[in-house]
Amino acid sequence: MPLQLYLRVTDTISEWAGKLFSWLILPLVAALFYEVVARYAFNAPTVWAWDMSYMLYGALFMLGAAYTLRLEGHVRVDVFYRLLRPRWRAVIDLLLYLIFFFPAMIVLLKYGMDYAWYAWSIQERAAVSPWRPPIYPLKTVIPVAAFLLLLQGVAQWVRSLTIALRRG
């Protein structure tokens, strides 16, 4: 697959996933709103709202990470980085992706798959909740997010490589 096609396809996947999963904010807000009204207006707290809120937020946070990477929205310590020329920024990005990002994503993907597989095999449920909701779908988000991040990370690395190799 030519590099430009890979970049376009990967960017489209990241943007599609980010925009799709951003809608998780609506059921998250609805669950929290329902809990607040039930608890304070009717003195009838729910057993499910806390579990739903951390599951939805966790999924939203993780599944939106590749989209955020695509938009270069992750936090950077850029006290000196922003003062550098684009070519030197690209060189630094290349090295940091190789040293930190790719190894971390590969480990997260590998162990996340094992973690999710085990959760599915035992039909794992939340042990700390009286509601005991299934937790295995949430654990599946870990390897999916790692895979999406890895795809987008390769695209960002290729972009940095292109900038670093530019003449002039």
N, C-alpha and C. Protein backbone atom coordinates (compact mmCIF):
# COMPACT_ATOMS: atom_id res chain seq x y z
N MET A 1 0.86 -1.18 0.00
CA MET A 1 0.00 0.00 0.00
C MET A 1 0.90 1.23 0.00
N PRO A 2 0.71 2.11 -0.96
CA PRO A 2 1.51 3.33 -0.99
C PRO A 2 1.31 4.15 0.29
N LEU A 3 2.35 4.86 0.67
CA LEU A 3 2.32 5.60 1.94
C LEU A 3 1.18 6.61 2.02
N GLN A 4 0.94 7.35 0.95
CA GLN A 4 -0.12 8.36 0.98
C GLN A 4 -1.48 7.72 1.20
N LEU A 5 -1.70 6.56 0.59
CA LEU A 5 -2.96 5.84 0.79
C LEU A 5 -3.07 5.36 2.24
N TYR A 6 -1.96 4.83 2.78
CA TYR A 6 -1.95 4.40 4.18
C TYR A 6 -2.29 5.57 5.11
N LEU A 7 -1.67 6.71 4.86
CA LEU A 7 -1.92 7.89 5.70
C LEU A 7 -3.39 8.32 5.62
N ARG A 8 -3.93 8.34 4.41
CA ARG A 8 -5.32 8.74 4.23
C ARG A 8 -6.28 7.77 4.90
N VAL A 9 -6.05 6.48 4.71
CA VAL A 9 -6.93 5.46 5.30
C VAL A 9 -6.84 5.51 6.83
N THR A 10 -5.63 5.59 7.35
CA THR A 10 -5.45 5.64 8.80
C THR A 10 -6.07 6.89 9.41
N ASP A 11 -5.87 8.02 8.78
CA ASP A 11 -6.48 9.26 9.27
C ASP A 11 -8.00 9.15 9.25
N THR A 12 -8.54 8.56 8.20
CA THR A 12 -9.99 8.40 8.10
C THR A 12 -10.50 7.49 9.20
N ILE A 13 -9.80 6.40 9.46
CA ILE A 13 -10.21 5.49 10.54
C ILE A 13 -10.18 6.21 11.88
N SER A 14 -9.10 6.94 12.15
CA SER A 14 -8.98 7.65 13.43
C SER A 14 -10.05 8.72 13.57
N GLU A 15 -10.29 9.46 12.51
CA GLU A 15 -11.31 10.51 12.57
C GLU A 15 -12.70 9.91 12.72
N TRP A 16 -12.98 8.85 12.00
CA TRP A 16 -14.27 8.18 12.10
C TRP A 16 -14.48 7.64 13.51
N ALA A 17 -13.46 6.96 14.04
CA ALA A 17 -13.57 6.40 15.40
C ALA A 17 -13.74 7.51 16.43
N GLY A 18 -12.94 8.56 16.32
CA GLY A 18 -13.04 9.66 17.28
C GLY A 18 -14.40 10.33 17.27
N LYS A 19 -14.92 10.58 16.08
CA LYS A 19 -16.23 11.22 15.98
C LYS A 19 -17.35 10.28 16.42
N LEU A 20 -17.23 9.01 16.08
CA LEU A 20 -18.24 8.04 16.50
C LEU A 20 -18.26 7.89 18.02
N PHE A 21 -17.10 7.66 18.60
CA PHE A 21 -17.05 7.39 20.04
C PHE A 21 -17.24 8.64 20.88
N SER A 22 -17.13 9.81 20.27
CA SER A 22 -17.41 11.03 21.03
C SER A 22 -18.87 11.09 21.46
N TRP A 23 -19.72 10.35 20.78
CA TRP A 23 -21.14 10.31 21.15
C TRP A 23 -21.36 9.59 22.48
N LEU A 24 -20.36 8.90 22.98
CA LEU A 24 -20.49 8.26 24.30
C LEU A 24 -20.70 9.29 25.40
N ILE A 25 -20.38 10.54 25.12
CA ILE A 25 -20.57 11.59 26.12
C ILE A 25 -22.05 11.75 26.46
N LEU A 26 -22.94 11.52 25.50
CA LEU A 26 -24.37 11.70 25.75
C LEU A 26 -24.93 10.70 26.77
N PRO A 27 -24.71 9.39 26.60
CA PRO A 27 -25.20 8.50 27.66
C PRO A 27 -24.46 8.70 28.98
N LEU A 28 -23.21 9.14 28.92
CA LEU A 28 -22.47 9.42 30.15
C LEU A 28 -23.14 10.56 30.92
N VAL A 29 -23.42 11.65 30.24
CA VAL A 29 -24.08 12.78 30.88
C VAL A 29 -25.48 12.39 31.35
N ALA A 30 -26.20 11.62 30.53
CA ALA A 30 -27.55 11.19 30.91
C ALA A 30 -27.53 10.34 32.17
N ALA A 31 -26.58 9.41 32.27
CA ALA A 31 -26.49 8.56 33.46
C ALA A 31 -26.18 9.39 34.70
N LEU A 32 -25.25 10.31 34.58
CA LEU A 32 -24.90 11.15 35.72
C LEU A 32 -26.04 12.09 36.10
N PHE A 33 -26.71 12.64 35.11
CA PHE A 33 -27.85 13.52 35.38
C PHE A 33 -28.96 12.74 36.09
N TYR A 34 -29.24 11.54 35.59
CA TYR A 34 -30.27 10.70 36.21
C TYR A 34 -29.92 10.40 37.66
N GLU A 35 -28.66 10.07 37.89
CA GLU A 35 -28.21 9.75 39.26
C GLU A 35 -28.37 10.95 40.19
N VAL A 36 -27.97 12.12 39.74
CA VAL A 36 -28.07 13.31 40.58
C VAL A 36 -29.53 13.62 40.90
N VAL A 37 -30.40 13.57 39.90
CA VAL A 37 -31.82 13.84 40.14
C VAL A 37 -32.42 12.78 41.05
N ALA A 38 -32.14 11.52 40.77
CA ALA A 38 -32.69 10.44 41.60
C ALA A 38 -32.21 10.55 43.04
N ARG A 39 -30.94 10.85 43.21
CA ARG A 39 -30.36 10.91 44.55
C ARG A 39 -30.85 12.12 45.34
N TYR A 40 -30.79 13.29 44.74
CA TYR A 40 -31.06 14.51 45.50
C TYR A 40 -32.51 14.97 45.45
N ALA A 41 -33.22 14.66 44.39
CA ALA A 41 -34.62 15.09 44.32
C ALA A 41 -35.56 14.05 44.93
N PHE A 42 -35.21 12.77 44.77
CA PHE A 42 -36.11 11.71 45.22
C PHE A 42 -35.52 10.82 46.30
N ASN A 43 -34.30 11.13 46.73
CA ASN A 43 -33.61 10.33 47.74
C ASN A 43 -33.61 8.84 47.37
N ALA A 44 -33.36 8.57 46.08
CA ALA A 44 -33.38 7.20 45.58
C ALA A 44 -32.18 6.97 44.66
N PRO A 45 -30.98 6.85 45.24
CA PRO A 45 -29.80 6.65 44.39
C PRO A 45 -29.88 5.33 43.62
N THR A 46 -29.19 5.30 42.51
CA THR A 46 -29.18 4.08 41.68
C THR A 46 -27.98 3.22 42.03
N VAL A 47 -28.05 1.95 41.64
CA VAL A 47 -26.89 1.07 41.83
C VAL A 47 -26.05 0.99 40.55
N TRP A 48 -26.55 1.52 39.46
CA TRP A 48 -25.90 1.33 38.18
C TRP A 48 -25.18 2.58 37.64
N ALA A 49 -25.52 3.77 38.09
CA ALA A 49 -25.01 4.99 37.45
C ALA A 49 -23.49 5.13 37.58
N TRP A 50 -22.94 4.80 38.74
CA TRP A 50 -21.49 4.91 38.91
C TRP A 50 -20.76 3.98 37.94
N ASP A 51 -21.23 2.74 37.86
CA ASP A 51 -20.59 1.77 36.96
C ASP A 51 -20.69 2.23 35.50
N MET A 52 -21.86 2.68 35.11
CA MET A 52 -22.03 3.15 33.73
C MET A 52 -21.13 4.35 33.44
N SER A 53 -21.00 5.24 34.42
CA SER A 53 -20.20 6.44 34.17
C SER A 53 -18.72 6.11 34.00
N TYR A 54 -18.16 5.23 34.83
CA TYR A 54 -16.73 4.94 34.64
C TYR A 54 -16.49 4.09 33.40
N MET A 55 -17.45 3.24 33.05
CA MET A 55 -17.29 2.44 31.83
C MET A 55 -17.38 3.32 30.58
N LEU A 56 -18.37 4.18 30.55
CA LEU A 56 -18.52 5.06 29.39
C LEU A 56 -17.36 6.05 29.28
N TYR A 57 -16.93 6.61 30.41
CA TYR A 57 -15.81 7.54 30.36
C TYR A 57 -14.52 6.82 29.95
N GLY A 58 -14.29 5.64 30.48
CA GLY A 58 -13.10 4.88 30.11
C GLY A 58 -13.07 4.57 28.62
N ALA A 59 -14.21 4.16 28.08
CA ALA A 59 -14.30 3.87 26.65
C ALA A 59 -14.10 5.15 25.83
N LEU A 60 -14.73 6.23 26.24
CA LEU A 60 -14.60 7.51 25.55
C LEU A 60 -13.14 7.98 25.54
N PHE A 61 -12.50 7.91 26.68
CA PHE A 61 -11.12 8.35 26.83
C PHE A 61 -10.18 7.52 25.95
N MET A 62 -10.32 6.21 26.03
CA MET A 62 -9.38 5.34 25.30
C MET A 62 -9.65 5.32 23.80
N LEU A 63 -10.92 5.24 23.41
CA LEU A 63 -11.23 5.14 21.99
C LEU A 63 -11.06 6.47 21.26
N GLY A 64 -10.98 7.55 21.99
CA GLY A 64 -10.72 8.85 21.37
C GLY A 64 -9.25 9.20 21.28
N ALA A 65 -8.39 8.35 21.80
CA ALA A 65 -6.96 8.67 21.87
C ALA A 65 -6.30 8.74 20.49
N ALA A 66 -6.67 7.85 19.57
CA ALA A 66 -6.06 7.87 18.24
C ALA A 66 -6.47 9.14 17.48
N TYR A 67 -7.71 9.53 17.65
CA TYR A 67 -8.20 10.77 17.02
C TYR A 67 -7.44 11.97 17.58
N THR A 68 -7.22 11.97 18.87
CA THR A 68 -6.47 13.05 19.50
C THR A 68 -5.03 13.06 19.00
N LEU A 69 -4.44 11.88 18.83
CA LEU A 69 -3.08 11.80 18.28
C LEU A 69 -3.06 12.35 16.85
N ARG A 70 -4.07 12.02 16.08
CA ARG A 70 -4.17 12.53 14.70
C ARG A 70 -4.18 14.06 14.68
N LEU A 71 -4.88 14.65 15.65
CA LEU A 71 -4.97 16.11 15.72
C LEU A 71 -3.80 16.74 16.48
N GLU A 72 -2.85 15.89 16.92
CA GLU A 72 -1.71 16.32 17.72
C GLU A 72 -2.17 17.06 18.97
N GLY A 73 -3.17 16.49 19.62
CA GLY A 73 -3.77 17.13 20.78
C GLY A 73 -3.30 16.61 22.12
N HIS A 74 -2.41 15.62 22.12
CA HIS A 74 -1.92 15.11 23.39
C HIS A 74 -0.95 16.10 24.04
N VAL A 75 -0.86 16.03 25.33
CA VAL A 75 -0.02 16.96 26.09
C VAL A 75 1.45 16.73 25.76
N ARG A 76 2.17 17.83 25.59
CA ARG A 76 3.62 17.77 25.37
C ARG A 76 4.29 18.73 26.34
N VAL A 77 5.49 18.39 26.72
CA VAL A 77 6.32 19.33 27.46
C VAL A 77 7.15 20.02 26.39
N ASP A 78 6.67 21.17 25.96
CA ASP A 78 7.28 21.78 24.79
C ASP A 78 7.97 23.11 25.08
N VAL A 79 8.59 23.20 26.23
CA VAL A 79 9.31 24.43 26.58
C VAL A 79 10.37 24.73 25.53
N PHE A 80 11.12 23.72 25.14
CA PHE A 80 12.17 23.90 24.13
C PHE A 80 11.72 23.43 22.76
N TYR A 81 10.87 22.42 22.74
CA TYR A 81 10.40 21.81 21.49
C TYR A 81 9.81 22.84 20.54
N ARG A 82 8.98 23.72 21.06
CA ARG A 82 8.31 24.71 20.21
C ARG A 82 9.28 25.73 19.63
N LEU A 83 10.46 25.86 20.22
CA LEU A 83 11.45 26.80 19.71
C LEU A 83 12.27 26.22 18.55
N LEU A 84 12.19 24.90 18.37
CA LEU A 84 12.97 24.24 17.33
C LEU A 84 12.32 24.40 15.96
N ARG A 85 13.14 24.22 14.94
CA ARG A 85 12.64 24.22 13.57
C ARG A 85 11.86 22.92 13.33
N PRO A 86 10.94 22.93 12.38
CA PRO A 86 10.12 21.75 12.11
C PRO A 86 10.94 20.47 11.85
N ARG A 87 12.06 20.62 11.18
CA ARG A 87 12.88 19.44 10.88
C ARG A 87 13.42 18.80 12.17
N TRP A 88 13.89 19.61 13.11
CA TRP A 88 14.41 19.08 14.37
C TRP A 88 13.29 18.52 15.24
N ARG A 89 12.12 19.14 15.18
CA ARG A 89 10.96 18.59 15.89
C ARG A 89 10.64 17.20 15.35
N ALA A 90 10.70 17.07 14.04
CA ALA A 90 10.42 15.78 13.41
C ALA A 90 11.44 14.73 13.84
N VAL A 91 12.70 15.10 13.92
CA VAL A 91 13.74 14.16 14.36
C VAL A 91 13.48 13.71 15.79
N ILE A 92 13.14 14.65 16.65
CA ILE A 92 12.82 14.31 18.05
C ILE A 92 11.61 13.39 18.10
N ASP A 93 10.57 13.71 17.33
CA ASP A 93 9.38 12.86 17.29
C ASP A 93 9.72 11.45 16.82
N LEU A 94 10.54 11.35 15.78
CA LEU A 94 10.94 10.03 15.28
C LEU A 94 11.57 9.19 16.39
N LEU A 95 12.50 9.79 17.10
CA LEU A 95 13.19 9.06 18.16
C LEU A 95 12.26 8.69 19.31
N LEU A 96 11.42 9.63 19.71
CA LEU A 96 10.53 9.36 20.84
C LEU A 96 9.47 8.33 20.50
N TYR A 97 8.98 8.35 19.27
CA TYR A 97 8.04 7.30 18.85
C TYR A 97 8.71 5.93 18.92
N LEU A 98 9.96 5.85 18.44
CA LEU A 98 10.67 4.57 18.44
C LEU A 98 11.02 4.09 19.85
N ILE A 99 11.44 5.02 20.70
CA ILE A 99 11.90 4.64 22.04
C ILE A 99 10.74 4.39 23.00
N PHE A 100 9.71 5.22 22.93
CA PHE A 100 8.63 5.14 23.93
C PHE A 100 7.29 4.67 23.36
N PHE A 101 6.81 5.36 22.34
CA PHE A 101 5.44 5.13 21.88
C PHE A 101 5.21 3.71 21.36
N PHE A 102 6.00 3.30 20.36
CA PHE A 102 5.77 1.99 19.76
C PHE A 102 5.93 0.84 20.75
N PRO A 103 7.00 0.83 21.57
CA PRO A 103 7.08 -0.25 22.56
C PRO A 103 5.89 -0.25 23.52
N ALA A 104 5.47 0.92 23.97
CA ALA A 104 4.34 0.99 24.91
C ALA A 104 3.06 0.48 24.26
N MET A 105 2.81 0.86 23.02
CA MET A 105 1.58 0.43 22.35
C MET A 105 1.60 -1.06 22.04
N ILE A 106 2.76 -1.59 21.71
CA ILE A 106 2.87 -3.03 21.44
C ILE A 106 2.61 -3.81 22.72
N VAL A 107 3.18 -3.37 23.82
CA VAL A 107 2.94 -4.02 25.12
C VAL A 107 1.47 -3.90 25.51
N LEU A 108 0.90 -2.71 25.35
CA LEU A 108 -0.52 -2.51 25.69
C LEU A 108 -1.41 -3.39 24.82
N LEU A 109 -1.10 -3.50 23.55
CA LEU A 109 -1.88 -4.34 22.65
C LEU A 109 -1.78 -5.81 23.04
N LYS A 110 -0.56 -6.27 23.28
CA LYS A 110 -0.36 -7.69 23.62
C LYS A 110 -1.04 -8.05 24.93
N TYR A 111 -0.74 -7.30 25.98
CA TYR A 111 -1.33 -7.62 27.29
C TYR A 111 -2.81 -7.26 27.35
N GLY A 112 -3.21 -6.24 26.61
CA GLY A 112 -4.63 -5.89 26.55
C GLY A 112 -5.44 -7.00 25.90
N MET A 113 -4.88 -7.63 24.87
CA MET A 113 -5.57 -8.76 24.23
C MET A 113 -5.69 -9.93 25.20
N ASP A 114 -4.62 -10.22 25.92
CA ASP A 114 -4.67 -11.30 26.92
C ASP A 114 -5.70 -10.99 28.00
N TYR A 115 -5.69 -9.77 28.46
CA TYR A 115 -6.58 -9.30 29.52
C TYR A 115 -8.04 -9.41 29.07
N ALA A 116 -8.32 -8.94 27.86
CA ALA A 116 -9.68 -8.99 27.32
C ALA A 116 -10.12 -10.43 27.07
N TRP A 117 -9.22 -11.23 26.51
CA TRP A 117 -9.53 -12.63 26.23
C TRP A 117 -9.91 -13.37 27.52
N TYR A 118 -9.14 -13.15 28.56
CA TYR A 118 -9.44 -13.80 29.83
C TYR A 118 -10.78 -13.32 30.38
N ALA A 119 -11.03 -12.02 30.31
CA ALA A 119 -12.29 -11.47 30.80
C ALA A 119 -13.48 -12.07 30.06
N TRP A 120 -13.35 -12.23 28.75
CA TRP A 120 -14.43 -12.86 27.97
C TRP A 120 -14.58 -14.33 28.33
N SER A 121 -13.46 -15.01 28.54
CA SER A 121 -13.53 -16.45 28.81
C SER A 121 -14.23 -16.77 30.12
N ILE A 122 -14.16 -15.86 31.08
CA ILE A 122 -14.84 -16.10 32.36
C ILE A 122 -16.10 -15.25 32.52
N GLN A 123 -16.45 -14.51 31.43
CA GLN A 123 -17.62 -13.61 31.49
C GLN A 123 -17.53 -12.72 32.72
N GLU A 124 -16.39 -12.05 32.86
CA GLU A 124 -16.08 -11.28 34.06
C GLU A 124 -17.11 -10.19 34.34
N ARG A 125 -17.38 -10.03 35.62
CA ARG A 125 -18.30 -8.99 36.08
C ARG A 125 -17.58 -8.13 37.11
N ALA A 126 -18.04 -6.89 37.26
CA ALA A 126 -17.44 -5.97 38.22
C ALA A 126 -17.65 -6.52 39.63
N ALA A 127 -16.57 -6.71 40.35
CA ALA A 127 -16.65 -7.32 41.68
C ALA A 127 -17.00 -6.31 42.77
N VAL A 128 -16.80 -5.04 42.52
CA VAL A 128 -16.99 -4.03 43.56
C VAL A 128 -18.34 -3.35 43.49
N SER A 129 -19.22 -3.84 42.65
CA SER A 129 -20.52 -3.21 42.46
C SER A 129 -21.64 -4.16 42.88
N PRO A 130 -22.64 -3.65 43.57
CA PRO A 130 -23.78 -4.51 43.90
C PRO A 130 -24.56 -4.91 42.64
N TRP A 131 -24.45 -4.12 41.60
CA TRP A 131 -25.13 -4.40 40.33
C TRP A 131 -24.41 -5.49 39.54
N ARG A 132 -23.08 -5.58 39.71
CA ARG A 132 -22.21 -6.56 39.06
C ARG A 132 -22.39 -6.60 37.54
N PRO A 133 -22.17 -5.46 36.89
CA PRO A 133 -22.33 -5.45 35.43
C PRO A 133 -21.19 -6.22 34.75
N PRO A 134 -21.43 -6.69 33.54
CA PRO A 134 -20.35 -7.34 32.79
C PRO A 134 -19.23 -6.32 32.51
N ILE A 135 -18.01 -6.74 32.73
CA ILE A 135 -16.87 -5.84 32.55
C ILE A 135 -16.03 -6.22 31.32
N TYR A 136 -16.29 -7.40 30.77
CA TYR A 136 -15.49 -7.86 29.64
C TYR A 136 -15.62 -6.98 28.40
N PRO A 137 -16.78 -6.36 28.10
CA PRO A 137 -16.79 -5.45 26.95
C PRO A 137 -15.86 -4.24 27.15
N LEU A 138 -15.82 -3.73 28.37
CA LEU A 138 -14.94 -2.60 28.66
C LEU A 138 -13.47 -3.00 28.51
N LYS A 139 -13.13 -4.19 28.94
CA LYS A 139 -11.74 -4.64 28.83
C LYS A 139 -11.34 -4.86 27.37
N THR A 140 -12.31 -5.08 26.51
CA THR A 140 -12.04 -5.22 25.08
C THR A 140 -11.61 -3.89 24.47
N VAL A 141 -12.03 -2.81 25.08
CA VAL A 141 -11.66 -1.47 24.60
C VAL A 141 -10.14 -1.28 24.65
N ILE A 142 -9.47 -1.91 25.59
CA ILE A 142 -8.02 -1.71 25.75
C ILE A 142 -7.25 -2.12 24.50
N PRO A 143 -7.38 -3.37 24.01
CA PRO A 143 -6.62 -3.70 22.79
C PRO A 143 -7.12 -2.96 21.55
N VAL A 144 -8.41 -2.66 21.49
CA VAL A 144 -8.93 -1.91 20.33
C VAL A 144 -8.29 -0.52 20.30
N ALA A 145 -8.25 0.15 21.44
CA ALA A 145 -7.64 1.47 21.52
C ALA A 145 -6.14 1.41 21.22
N ALA A 146 -5.46 0.39 21.73
CA ALA A 146 -4.03 0.25 21.46
C ALA A 146 -3.78 0.04 19.97
N PHE A 147 -4.62 -0.75 19.32
CA PHE A 147 -4.48 -0.98 17.88
C PHE A 147 -4.70 0.31 17.10
N LEU A 148 -5.75 1.05 17.44
CA LEU A 148 -6.02 2.32 16.75
C LEU A 148 -4.87 3.31 16.97
N LEU A 149 -4.35 3.36 18.19
CA LEU A 149 -3.22 4.24 18.48
C LEU A 149 -1.97 3.82 17.70
N LEU A 150 -1.74 2.52 17.62
CA LEU A 150 -0.58 2.02 16.88
C LEU A 150 -0.69 2.38 15.40
N LEU A 151 -1.86 2.19 14.82
CA LEU A 151 -2.07 2.59 13.41
C LEU A 151 -1.78 4.07 13.20
N GLN A 152 -2.36 4.90 14.07
CA GLN A 152 -2.18 6.34 13.93
C GLN A 152 -0.74 6.74 14.25
N GLY A 153 -0.12 6.05 15.19
CA GLY A 153 1.28 6.33 15.52
C GLY A 153 2.21 6.09 14.34
N VAL A 154 1.95 5.02 13.60
CA VAL A 154 2.75 4.75 12.40
C VAL A 154 2.57 5.88 11.39
N ALA A 155 1.34 6.33 11.23
CA ALA A 155 1.08 7.44 10.30
C ALA A 155 1.81 8.71 10.75
N GLN A 156 1.77 9.00 12.03
CA GLN A 156 2.45 10.20 12.53
C GLN A 156 3.96 10.05 12.37
N TRP A 157 4.48 8.85 12.58
CA TRP A 157 5.91 8.60 12.43
C TRP A 157 6.33 8.81 10.97
N VAL A 158 5.52 8.32 10.05
CA VAL A 158 5.82 8.51 8.62
C VAL A 158 5.82 9.99 8.27
N ARG A 159 4.88 10.74 8.82
CA ARG A 159 4.85 12.19 8.58
C ARG A 159 6.13 12.85 9.11
N SER A 160 6.53 12.45 10.31
CA SER A 160 7.76 13.01 10.88
C SER A 160 8.97 12.64 10.04
N LEU A 161 9.00 11.41 9.56
CA LEU A 161 10.11 10.97 8.71
C LEU A 161 10.17 11.80 7.43
N THR A 162 9.04 12.06 6.84
CA THR A 162 8.97 12.87 5.62
C THR A 162 9.53 14.27 5.87
N ILE A 163 9.15 14.86 6.99
CA ILE A 163 9.64 16.21 7.33
C ILE A 163 11.14 16.17 7.63
N ALA A 164 11.59 15.16 8.36
CA ALA A 164 13.01 15.07 8.73
C ALA A 164 13.91 14.87 7.51
N LEU A 165 13.41 14.20 6.49
CA LEU A 165 14.22 13.91 5.30
C LEU A 165 14.14 14.99 4.23
N ARG A 166 13.30 15.98 4.44
CA ARG A 166 13.17 17.07 3.46
C ARG A 166 14.48 17.82 3.30
N ARG A 167 14.74 18.20 2.12
CA ARG A 167 15.95 19.00 1.86
C ARG A 167 15.63 20.47 2.06
N GLY A 168 16.62 21.18 2.60
CA GLY A 168 16.47 22.62 2.73
C GLY A 168 16.00 23.02 4.00
